[in-house]
Amino acid sequence: MPQVTLAIVEGQEAGRQIPLSGTVLIGRDPSADVVVEDAEVSTRHASFAPSEGGAVVEDLGSTNGTFVNGSRVESVQALALGDTIEVGTAGLLVKSLPTPPTPPGQETSVRGVAPVALPVLDLRLRVDFEAREVHLSSDGEPAVRLAFDSGRWRIEAEG
């Protein structure tokens, strides 16, 4: 199961990955977990923490605010995969969140984050463990079937 990971996508620290194994403080304070040298960032600006099923952000009374997807954070706010967070001129992206396990025989949905804007792609994946098959379809297109047979995977069109 992937852990919660933030990626800094704008600012001095762009490219840095921040795994959230506990609370992470961001600010100008040299003792902060993520130090941002930016006049728009308060000494103790915001904190991020893992939560049940995801992560949360809290503005710590900063002067210029913390923003999630363009909206000012007023209290502790839950984060979703793909959310963007602005702390001064630093931009962060929620890159990964844990995916809860799916009971056998049930479908699950997982979202990914693309580094550039792409059109939405709706994929459906159905796994039948007993039949040793995987069915994959996209945007109303005919599905393909992957079947495990004699030690090999075989791909065929469904229809």
N, C-alpha and C. Protein backbone atom coordinates (compact mmCIF):
# COMPACT_ATOMS: atom_id res chain seq x y z
N MET A 1 0.85 -1.18 0.00
CA MET A 1 0.00 0.00 0.00
C MET A 1 0.89 1.24 0.00
N PRO A 2 0.70 2.16 -0.95
CA PRO A 2 1.56 3.34 -0.98
C PRO A 2 1.28 4.25 0.21
N GLN A 3 2.32 4.92 0.65
CA GLN A 3 2.16 5.87 1.73
C GLN A 3 1.72 7.21 1.15
N VAL A 4 1.47 8.16 2.04
CA VAL A 4 1.12 9.51 1.60
C VAL A 4 2.41 10.21 1.18
N THR A 5 2.41 10.75 -0.04
CA THR A 5 3.58 11.46 -0.54
C THR A 5 3.13 12.78 -1.16
N LEU A 6 3.83 13.86 -0.78
CA LEU A 6 3.64 15.17 -1.39
C LEU A 6 4.85 15.42 -2.28
N ALA A 7 4.64 16.13 -3.37
CA ALA A 7 5.73 16.53 -4.25
C ALA A 7 5.72 18.05 -4.35
N ILE A 8 6.89 18.65 -4.20
CA ILE A 8 6.99 20.09 -4.40
C ILE A 8 7.15 20.31 -5.90
N VAL A 9 6.21 21.02 -6.51
CA VAL A 9 6.20 21.20 -7.96
C VAL A 9 6.53 22.63 -8.39
N GLU A 10 6.53 23.58 -7.44
CA GLU A 10 6.88 24.96 -7.75
C GLU A 10 7.69 25.52 -6.59
N GLY A 11 8.65 26.37 -6.92
CA GLY A 11 9.46 27.02 -5.90
C GLY A 11 10.86 26.44 -5.84
N GLN A 12 11.63 26.91 -4.83
CA GLN A 12 13.03 26.54 -4.69
C GLN A 12 13.25 25.04 -4.57
N GLU A 13 12.37 24.36 -3.91
CA GLU A 13 12.54 22.93 -3.63
C GLU A 13 11.85 22.05 -4.67
N ALA A 14 11.48 22.60 -5.82
CA ALA A 14 10.76 21.83 -6.85
C ALA A 14 11.50 20.53 -7.14
N GLY A 15 10.73 19.45 -7.20
CA GLY A 15 11.28 18.12 -7.45
C GLY A 15 11.44 17.30 -6.19
N ARG A 16 11.39 17.94 -5.03
CA ARG A 16 11.53 17.21 -3.76
C ARG A 16 10.27 16.43 -3.45
N GLN A 17 10.43 15.19 -3.00
CA GLN A 17 9.32 14.34 -2.56
C GLN A 17 9.28 14.36 -1.04
N ILE A 18 8.09 14.46 -0.46
CA ILE A 18 7.94 14.51 0.99
C ILE A 18 7.03 13.37 1.43
N PRO A 19 7.59 12.27 1.94
CA PRO A 19 6.74 11.21 2.48
C PRO A 19 6.21 11.64 3.85
N LEU A 20 4.92 11.39 4.08
CA LEU A 20 4.31 11.77 5.36
C LEU A 20 4.21 10.54 6.26
N SER A 21 5.24 10.29 7.03
CA SER A 21 5.17 9.19 7.99
C SER A 21 4.72 9.73 9.35
N GLY A 22 4.69 11.04 9.47
CA GLY A 22 4.22 11.73 10.67
C GLY A 22 3.93 13.17 10.28
N THR A 23 3.73 14.03 11.27
CA THR A 23 3.45 15.43 10.97
C THR A 23 4.68 16.11 10.38
N VAL A 24 4.46 16.89 9.32
CA VAL A 24 5.52 17.63 8.64
C VAL A 24 5.18 19.11 8.71
N LEU A 25 6.11 19.89 9.27
CA LEU A 25 5.94 21.34 9.40
C LEU A 25 6.64 22.02 8.24
N ILE A 26 5.95 23.01 7.64
CA ILE A 26 6.54 23.79 6.57
C ILE A 26 6.55 25.25 7.00
N GLY A 27 7.67 25.95 6.75
CA GLY A 27 7.78 27.35 7.13
C GLY A 27 9.20 27.85 6.94
N ARG A 28 9.44 29.09 7.38
CA ARG A 28 10.77 29.69 7.27
C ARG A 28 11.68 29.30 8.43
N ASP A 29 11.12 28.79 9.50
CA ASP A 29 11.90 28.39 10.67
C ASP A 29 12.92 27.33 10.28
N PRO A 30 14.20 27.54 10.62
CA PRO A 30 15.24 26.56 10.25
C PRO A 30 14.99 25.16 10.81
N SER A 31 14.17 25.06 11.87
CA SER A 31 13.89 23.73 12.44
C SER A 31 12.68 23.06 11.77
N ALA A 32 12.04 23.74 10.81
CA ALA A 32 10.89 23.14 10.10
C ALA A 32 11.36 21.94 9.28
N ASP A 33 10.48 21.01 9.05
CA ASP A 33 10.81 19.83 8.24
C ASP A 33 11.07 20.24 6.80
N VAL A 34 10.28 21.21 6.29
CA VAL A 34 10.47 21.75 4.96
C VAL A 34 10.65 23.25 5.13
N VAL A 35 11.88 23.73 4.91
CA VAL A 35 12.20 25.15 5.06
C VAL A 35 12.00 25.82 3.71
N VAL A 36 11.16 26.88 3.71
CA VAL A 36 10.90 27.64 2.49
C VAL A 36 11.38 29.07 2.72
N GLU A 37 12.41 29.45 2.00
CA GLU A 37 12.95 30.80 2.08
C GLU A 37 12.12 31.70 1.17
N ASP A 38 11.05 32.26 1.72
CA ASP A 38 10.10 33.03 0.94
C ASP A 38 9.44 34.03 1.90
N ALA A 39 9.48 35.31 1.57
CA ALA A 39 8.90 36.35 2.44
C ALA A 39 7.40 36.16 2.64
N GLU A 40 6.73 35.43 1.74
CA GLU A 40 5.28 35.20 1.85
C GLU A 40 4.94 34.03 2.77
N VAL A 41 5.98 33.33 3.25
CA VAL A 41 5.78 32.16 4.11
C VAL A 41 6.08 32.56 5.56
N SER A 42 5.20 32.18 6.47
CA SER A 42 5.40 32.46 7.89
C SER A 42 6.44 31.51 8.47
N THR A 43 6.93 31.85 9.65
CA THR A 43 7.94 31.03 10.31
C THR A 43 7.43 29.61 10.50
N ARG A 44 6.24 29.47 11.04
CA ARG A 44 5.55 28.17 11.17
C ARG A 44 4.26 28.33 10.37
N HIS A 45 4.29 27.98 9.11
CA HIS A 45 3.21 28.32 8.18
C HIS A 45 2.08 27.29 8.19
N ALA A 46 2.41 26.02 7.94
CA ALA A 46 1.37 24.99 7.83
C ALA A 46 1.95 23.65 8.23
N SER A 47 1.07 22.72 8.55
CA SER A 47 1.51 21.35 8.84
C SER A 47 0.68 20.37 8.03
N PHE A 48 1.33 19.27 7.68
CA PHE A 48 0.70 18.18 6.95
C PHE A 48 0.84 16.94 7.82
N ALA A 49 -0.18 16.09 7.81
CA ALA A 49 -0.11 14.87 8.59
C ALA A 49 -0.93 13.77 7.92
N PRO A 50 -0.46 12.53 8.06
CA PRO A 50 -1.29 11.44 7.57
C PRO A 50 -2.53 11.33 8.45
N SER A 51 -3.61 10.86 7.87
CA SER A 51 -4.83 10.64 8.64
C SER A 51 -5.41 9.31 8.18
N GLU A 52 -6.44 8.87 8.84
CA GLU A 52 -7.05 7.61 8.44
C GLU A 52 -7.53 7.73 6.99
N GLY A 53 -6.93 6.94 6.12
CA GLY A 53 -7.32 6.93 4.72
C GLY A 53 -6.73 8.04 3.87
N GLY A 54 -5.82 8.86 4.42
CA GLY A 54 -5.27 9.92 3.58
C GLY A 54 -4.35 10.84 4.32
N ALA A 55 -4.58 12.15 4.13
CA ALA A 55 -3.74 13.17 4.74
C ALA A 55 -4.57 14.43 4.97
N VAL A 56 -4.06 15.28 5.87
CA VAL A 56 -4.71 16.56 6.16
C VAL A 56 -3.66 17.66 6.15
N VAL A 57 -4.11 18.88 5.90
CA VAL A 57 -3.28 20.07 6.00
C VAL A 57 -3.97 21.02 6.96
N GLU A 58 -3.14 21.76 7.73
CA GLU A 58 -3.66 22.76 8.65
C GLU A 58 -2.80 24.02 8.53
N ASP A 59 -3.44 25.15 8.32
CA ASP A 59 -2.73 26.42 8.33
C ASP A 59 -2.50 26.77 9.80
N LEU A 60 -1.29 27.18 10.14
CA LEU A 60 -0.94 27.44 11.54
C LEU A 60 -1.01 28.92 11.88
N GLY A 61 -2.00 29.62 11.32
CA GLY A 61 -2.18 31.04 11.59
C GLY A 61 -1.24 31.91 10.78
N SER A 62 -0.87 31.43 9.60
CA SER A 62 0.04 32.19 8.75
C SER A 62 -0.59 33.51 8.30
N THR A 63 0.27 34.46 8.00
CA THR A 63 -0.20 35.77 7.55
C THR A 63 -0.86 35.70 6.18
N ASN A 64 -0.24 34.99 5.24
CA ASN A 64 -0.73 34.97 3.86
C ASN A 64 -1.59 33.76 3.50
N GLY A 65 -1.77 32.85 4.42
CA GLY A 65 -2.67 31.73 4.21
C GLY A 65 -2.05 30.55 3.46
N THR A 66 -2.77 29.45 3.56
CA THR A 66 -2.46 28.21 2.85
C THR A 66 -3.67 27.93 1.98
N PHE A 67 -3.45 27.50 0.75
CA PHE A 67 -4.54 27.31 -0.19
C PHE A 67 -4.51 25.89 -0.75
N VAL A 68 -5.68 25.27 -0.81
CA VAL A 68 -5.82 23.95 -1.45
C VAL A 68 -6.74 24.13 -2.65
N ASN A 69 -6.21 23.80 -3.82
CA ASN A 69 -6.95 23.95 -5.07
C ASN A 69 -7.53 25.37 -5.22
N GLY A 70 -6.76 26.37 -4.75
CA GLY A 70 -7.16 27.77 -4.89
C GLY A 70 -8.03 28.31 -3.78
N SER A 71 -8.49 27.46 -2.86
CA SER A 71 -9.34 27.92 -1.75
C SER A 71 -8.54 27.96 -0.45
N ARG A 72 -8.73 29.05 0.30
CA ARG A 72 -7.99 29.22 1.56
C ARG A 72 -8.40 28.16 2.57
N VAL A 73 -7.41 27.61 3.25
CA VAL A 73 -7.65 26.61 4.30
C VAL A 73 -8.07 27.36 5.56
N GLU A 74 -9.27 27.07 6.08
CA GLU A 74 -9.79 27.75 7.26
C GLU A 74 -9.63 26.91 8.52
N SER A 75 -9.54 25.59 8.37
CA SER A 75 -9.36 24.69 9.50
C SER A 75 -8.59 23.48 8.98
N VAL A 76 -8.54 22.43 9.74
CA VAL A 76 -7.89 21.21 9.24
C VAL A 76 -8.68 20.72 8.04
N GLN A 77 -7.99 20.48 6.94
CA GLN A 77 -8.67 20.09 5.71
C GLN A 77 -8.10 18.78 5.17
N ALA A 78 -9.00 17.87 4.83
CA ALA A 78 -8.58 16.60 4.23
C ALA A 78 -8.05 16.85 2.82
N LEU A 79 -7.07 16.07 2.42
CA LEU A 79 -6.50 16.18 1.09
C LEU A 79 -6.85 14.96 0.26
N ALA A 80 -7.00 15.17 -1.03
CA ALA A 80 -7.29 14.08 -1.96
C ALA A 80 -6.15 13.98 -2.97
N LEU A 81 -6.04 12.82 -3.59
CA LEU A 81 -5.04 12.61 -4.61
C LEU A 81 -5.18 13.67 -5.70
N GLY A 82 -4.08 14.33 -6.07
CA GLY A 82 -4.10 15.33 -7.11
C GLY A 82 -4.35 16.75 -6.62
N ASP A 83 -4.67 16.92 -5.32
CA ASP A 83 -4.87 18.28 -4.79
C ASP A 83 -3.57 19.07 -4.90
N THR A 84 -3.72 20.37 -5.15
CA THR A 84 -2.56 21.27 -5.16
C THR A 84 -2.65 22.16 -3.94
N ILE A 85 -1.50 22.40 -3.32
CA ILE A 85 -1.42 23.21 -2.11
C ILE A 85 -0.43 24.33 -2.37
N GLU A 86 -0.83 25.57 -2.02
CA GLU A 86 0.04 26.73 -2.17
C GLU A 86 0.42 27.25 -0.79
N VAL A 87 1.73 27.36 -0.57
CA VAL A 87 2.29 27.93 0.64
C VAL A 87 3.27 28.99 0.16
N GLY A 88 2.86 30.24 0.19
CA GLY A 88 3.68 31.29 -0.41
C GLY A 88 3.82 31.00 -1.90
N THR A 89 5.05 31.04 -2.40
CA THR A 89 5.27 30.72 -3.82
C THR A 89 5.58 29.25 -4.04
N ALA A 90 5.57 28.46 -2.97
CA ALA A 90 5.80 27.02 -3.10
C ALA A 90 4.49 26.34 -3.47
N GLY A 91 4.56 25.46 -4.45
CA GLY A 91 3.40 24.67 -4.86
C GLY A 91 3.66 23.21 -4.58
N LEU A 92 2.71 22.57 -3.92
CA LEU A 92 2.83 21.15 -3.60
C LEU A 92 1.70 20.38 -4.25
N LEU A 93 1.92 19.12 -4.48
CA LEU A 93 0.95 18.24 -5.11
C LEU A 93 0.82 16.98 -4.28
N VAL A 94 -0.42 16.55 -4.00
CA VAL A 94 -0.62 15.27 -3.33
C VAL A 94 -0.40 14.20 -4.39
N LYS A 95 0.73 13.51 -4.28
CA LYS A 95 1.16 12.58 -5.31
C LYS A 95 0.66 11.16 -5.07
N SER A 96 0.57 10.73 -3.82
CA SER A 96 0.06 9.39 -3.55
C SER A 96 -0.64 9.36 -2.20
N LEU A 97 -1.65 8.52 -2.14
CA LEU A 97 -2.39 8.26 -0.91
C LEU A 97 -2.58 6.76 -0.81
N PRO A 98 -2.73 6.22 0.39
CA PRO A 98 -2.97 4.79 0.49
C PRO A 98 -4.32 4.42 -0.12
N THR A 99 -4.38 3.25 -0.74
CA THR A 99 -5.61 2.73 -1.31
C THR A 99 -6.11 1.63 -0.40
N PRO A 100 -7.33 1.74 0.11
CA PRO A 100 -7.83 0.70 1.01
C PRO A 100 -7.96 -0.63 0.25
N PRO A 101 -7.73 -1.74 0.95
CA PRO A 101 -7.86 -3.04 0.28
C PRO A 101 -9.30 -3.28 -0.16
N THR A 102 -9.46 -3.98 -1.28
CA THR A 102 -10.77 -4.30 -1.81
C THR A 102 -11.07 -5.77 -1.54
N PRO A 103 -12.23 -6.06 -0.95
CA PRO A 103 -12.58 -7.47 -0.71
C PRO A 103 -12.67 -8.21 -2.04
N PRO A 104 -12.35 -9.51 -2.04
CA PRO A 104 -12.44 -10.30 -3.27
C PRO A 104 -13.82 -10.18 -3.91
N GLY A 105 -13.83 -10.09 -5.24
CA GLY A 105 -15.08 -10.04 -5.98
C GLY A 105 -15.68 -8.65 -6.10
N GLN A 106 -15.03 -7.63 -5.53
CA GLN A 106 -15.56 -6.28 -5.62
C GLN A 106 -14.64 -5.43 -6.48
N GLU A 107 -15.20 -4.39 -7.08
CA GLU A 107 -14.42 -3.49 -7.92
C GLU A 107 -13.88 -2.35 -7.07
N THR A 108 -12.78 -1.79 -7.50
CA THR A 108 -12.23 -0.61 -6.85
C THR A 108 -11.85 0.40 -7.91
N SER A 109 -11.69 1.62 -7.50
CA SER A 109 -11.30 2.66 -8.44
C SER A 109 -10.08 3.36 -7.87
N VAL A 110 -9.09 3.61 -8.72
CA VAL A 110 -7.86 4.26 -8.31
C VAL A 110 -7.59 5.40 -9.28
N ARG A 111 -7.27 6.57 -8.74
CA ARG A 111 -6.93 7.71 -9.59
C ARG A 111 -5.43 7.90 -9.58
N GLY A 112 -4.92 8.35 -10.70
CA GLY A 112 -3.51 8.68 -10.79
C GLY A 112 -3.36 10.16 -11.06
N VAL A 113 -2.17 10.66 -10.86
CA VAL A 113 -1.90 12.07 -11.08
C VAL A 113 -0.91 12.17 -12.23
N ALA A 114 -1.31 12.86 -13.30
CA ALA A 114 -0.43 13.06 -14.45
C ALA A 114 0.33 14.37 -14.26
N PRO A 115 1.60 14.42 -14.65
CA PRO A 115 2.36 15.66 -14.47
C PRO A 115 1.93 16.76 -15.43
N VAL A 116 1.17 16.45 -16.47
CA VAL A 116 0.65 17.44 -17.40
C VAL A 116 -0.84 17.20 -17.57
N ALA A 117 -1.54 18.20 -18.09
CA ALA A 117 -2.98 18.06 -18.28
C ALA A 117 -3.26 17.08 -19.43
N LEU A 118 -4.01 16.05 -19.14
CA LEU A 118 -4.40 15.05 -20.13
C LEU A 118 -5.91 14.90 -20.07
N PRO A 119 -6.53 14.46 -21.17
CA PRO A 119 -7.97 14.21 -21.10
C PRO A 119 -8.25 13.05 -20.14
N VAL A 120 -9.43 13.05 -19.56
CA VAL A 120 -9.83 12.01 -18.62
C VAL A 120 -9.91 10.67 -19.35
N LEU A 121 -9.37 9.65 -18.74
CA LEU A 121 -9.43 8.30 -19.28
C LEU A 121 -10.12 7.43 -18.25
N ASP A 122 -11.26 6.89 -18.61
CA ASP A 122 -12.04 6.06 -17.71
C ASP A 122 -11.74 4.59 -18.01
N LEU A 123 -10.96 3.97 -17.14
CA LEU A 123 -10.62 2.55 -17.31
C LEU A 123 -11.41 1.73 -16.30
N ARG A 124 -11.88 0.59 -16.74
CA ARG A 124 -12.53 -0.36 -15.84
C ARG A 124 -11.73 -1.65 -15.87
N LEU A 125 -11.43 -2.15 -14.71
CA LEU A 125 -10.66 -3.38 -14.57
C LEU A 125 -11.44 -4.31 -13.67
N ARG A 126 -11.69 -5.50 -14.16
CA ARG A 126 -12.39 -6.52 -13.36
C ARG A 126 -11.51 -7.75 -13.32
N VAL A 127 -11.20 -8.20 -12.12
CA VAL A 127 -10.35 -9.37 -11.95
C VAL A 127 -11.21 -10.51 -11.40
N ASP A 128 -11.16 -11.64 -12.09
CA ASP A 128 -11.86 -12.84 -11.64
C ASP A 128 -10.78 -13.86 -11.26
N PHE A 129 -10.50 -13.93 -9.97
CA PHE A 129 -9.42 -14.80 -9.50
C PHE A 129 -9.72 -16.27 -9.73
N GLU A 130 -10.97 -16.65 -9.54
CA GLU A 130 -11.32 -18.07 -9.73
C GLU A 130 -11.14 -18.50 -11.18
N ALA A 131 -11.55 -17.66 -12.12
CA ALA A 131 -11.43 -18.00 -13.54
C ALA A 131 -10.03 -17.66 -14.08
N ARG A 132 -9.21 -16.98 -13.25
CA ARG A 132 -7.87 -16.56 -13.66
C ARG A 132 -7.93 -15.68 -14.90
N GLU A 133 -8.81 -14.63 -14.81
CA GLU A 133 -9.03 -13.72 -15.93
C GLU A 133 -9.01 -12.27 -15.44
N VAL A 134 -8.64 -11.40 -16.37
CA VAL A 134 -8.71 -9.96 -16.14
C VAL A 134 -9.44 -9.37 -17.34
N HIS A 135 -10.42 -8.51 -17.07
CA HIS A 135 -11.19 -7.84 -18.13
C HIS A 135 -10.89 -6.35 -18.02
N LEU A 136 -10.49 -5.72 -19.14
CA LEU A 136 -10.12 -4.32 -19.15
C LEU A 136 -10.87 -3.61 -20.26
N SER A 137 -11.53 -2.49 -19.91
CA SER A 137 -12.24 -1.71 -20.92
C SER A 137 -11.97 -0.23 -20.67
N SER A 138 -12.18 0.59 -21.71
CA SER A 138 -11.89 2.01 -21.63
C SER A 138 -12.94 2.81 -22.37
N ASP A 139 -13.50 3.82 -21.70
CA ASP A 139 -14.38 4.81 -22.33
C ASP A 139 -15.40 4.19 -23.29
N GLY A 140 -16.04 3.11 -22.88
CA GLY A 140 -17.08 2.50 -23.71
C GLY A 140 -16.57 1.64 -24.85
N GLU A 141 -15.27 1.51 -24.99
CA GLU A 141 -14.69 0.65 -26.03
C GLU A 141 -14.89 -0.82 -25.64
N PRO A 142 -14.85 -1.73 -26.62
CA PRO A 142 -14.94 -3.15 -26.28
C PRO A 142 -13.81 -3.56 -25.34
N ALA A 143 -14.12 -4.46 -24.43
CA ALA A 143 -13.15 -4.90 -23.43
C ALA A 143 -12.18 -5.91 -24.04
N VAL A 144 -11.02 -6.00 -23.40
CA VAL A 144 -10.09 -7.08 -23.72
C VAL A 144 -10.06 -8.01 -22.52
N ARG A 145 -9.77 -9.25 -22.80
CA ARG A 145 -9.72 -10.28 -21.76
C ARG A 145 -8.30 -10.83 -21.71
N LEU A 146 -7.75 -10.87 -20.54
CA LEU A 146 -6.46 -11.50 -20.32
C LEU A 146 -6.74 -12.77 -19.53
N ALA A 147 -6.37 -13.90 -20.07
CA ALA A 147 -6.62 -15.18 -19.41
C ALA A 147 -5.30 -15.88 -19.15
N PHE A 148 -5.16 -16.41 -17.94
CA PHE A 148 -3.96 -17.16 -17.59
C PHE A 148 -4.23 -18.62 -17.89
N ASP A 149 -3.48 -19.15 -18.85
CA ASP A 149 -3.73 -20.51 -19.32
C ASP A 149 -2.39 -21.20 -19.57
N SER A 150 -2.20 -22.36 -19.01
CA SER A 150 -0.99 -23.16 -19.20
C SER A 150 0.28 -22.36 -18.88
N GLY A 151 0.23 -21.58 -17.80
CA GLY A 151 1.42 -20.85 -17.37
C GLY A 151 1.70 -19.56 -18.12
N ARG A 152 0.81 -19.13 -19.02
CA ARG A 152 1.01 -17.92 -19.81
C ARG A 152 -0.25 -17.08 -19.83
N TRP A 153 -0.07 -15.78 -20.02
CA TRP A 153 -1.20 -14.88 -20.19
C TRP A 153 -1.54 -14.79 -21.67
N ARG A 154 -2.82 -14.89 -21.98
CA ARG A 154 -3.31 -14.78 -23.35
C ARG A 154 -4.25 -13.58 -23.41
N ILE A 155 -4.10 -12.74 -24.45
CA ILE A 155 -4.94 -11.55 -24.62
C ILE A 155 -5.87 -11.76 -25.78
N GLU A 156 -7.15 -11.46 -25.57
CA GLU A 156 -8.13 -11.56 -26.66
C GLU A 156 -9.20 -10.51 -26.48
N ALA A 157 -9.82 -10.13 -27.59
CA ALA A 157 -10.91 -9.16 -27.55
C ALA A 157 -12.16 -9.83 -27.01
N GLU A 158 -12.93 -9.09 -26.21
CA GLU A 158 -14.21 -9.61 -25.74
C GLU A 158 -15.28 -9.14 -26.71
N GLY A 159 -16.30 -9.89 -26.79
CA GLY A 159 -17.35 -9.40 -27.67
C GLY A 159 -18.15 -10.46 -28.16
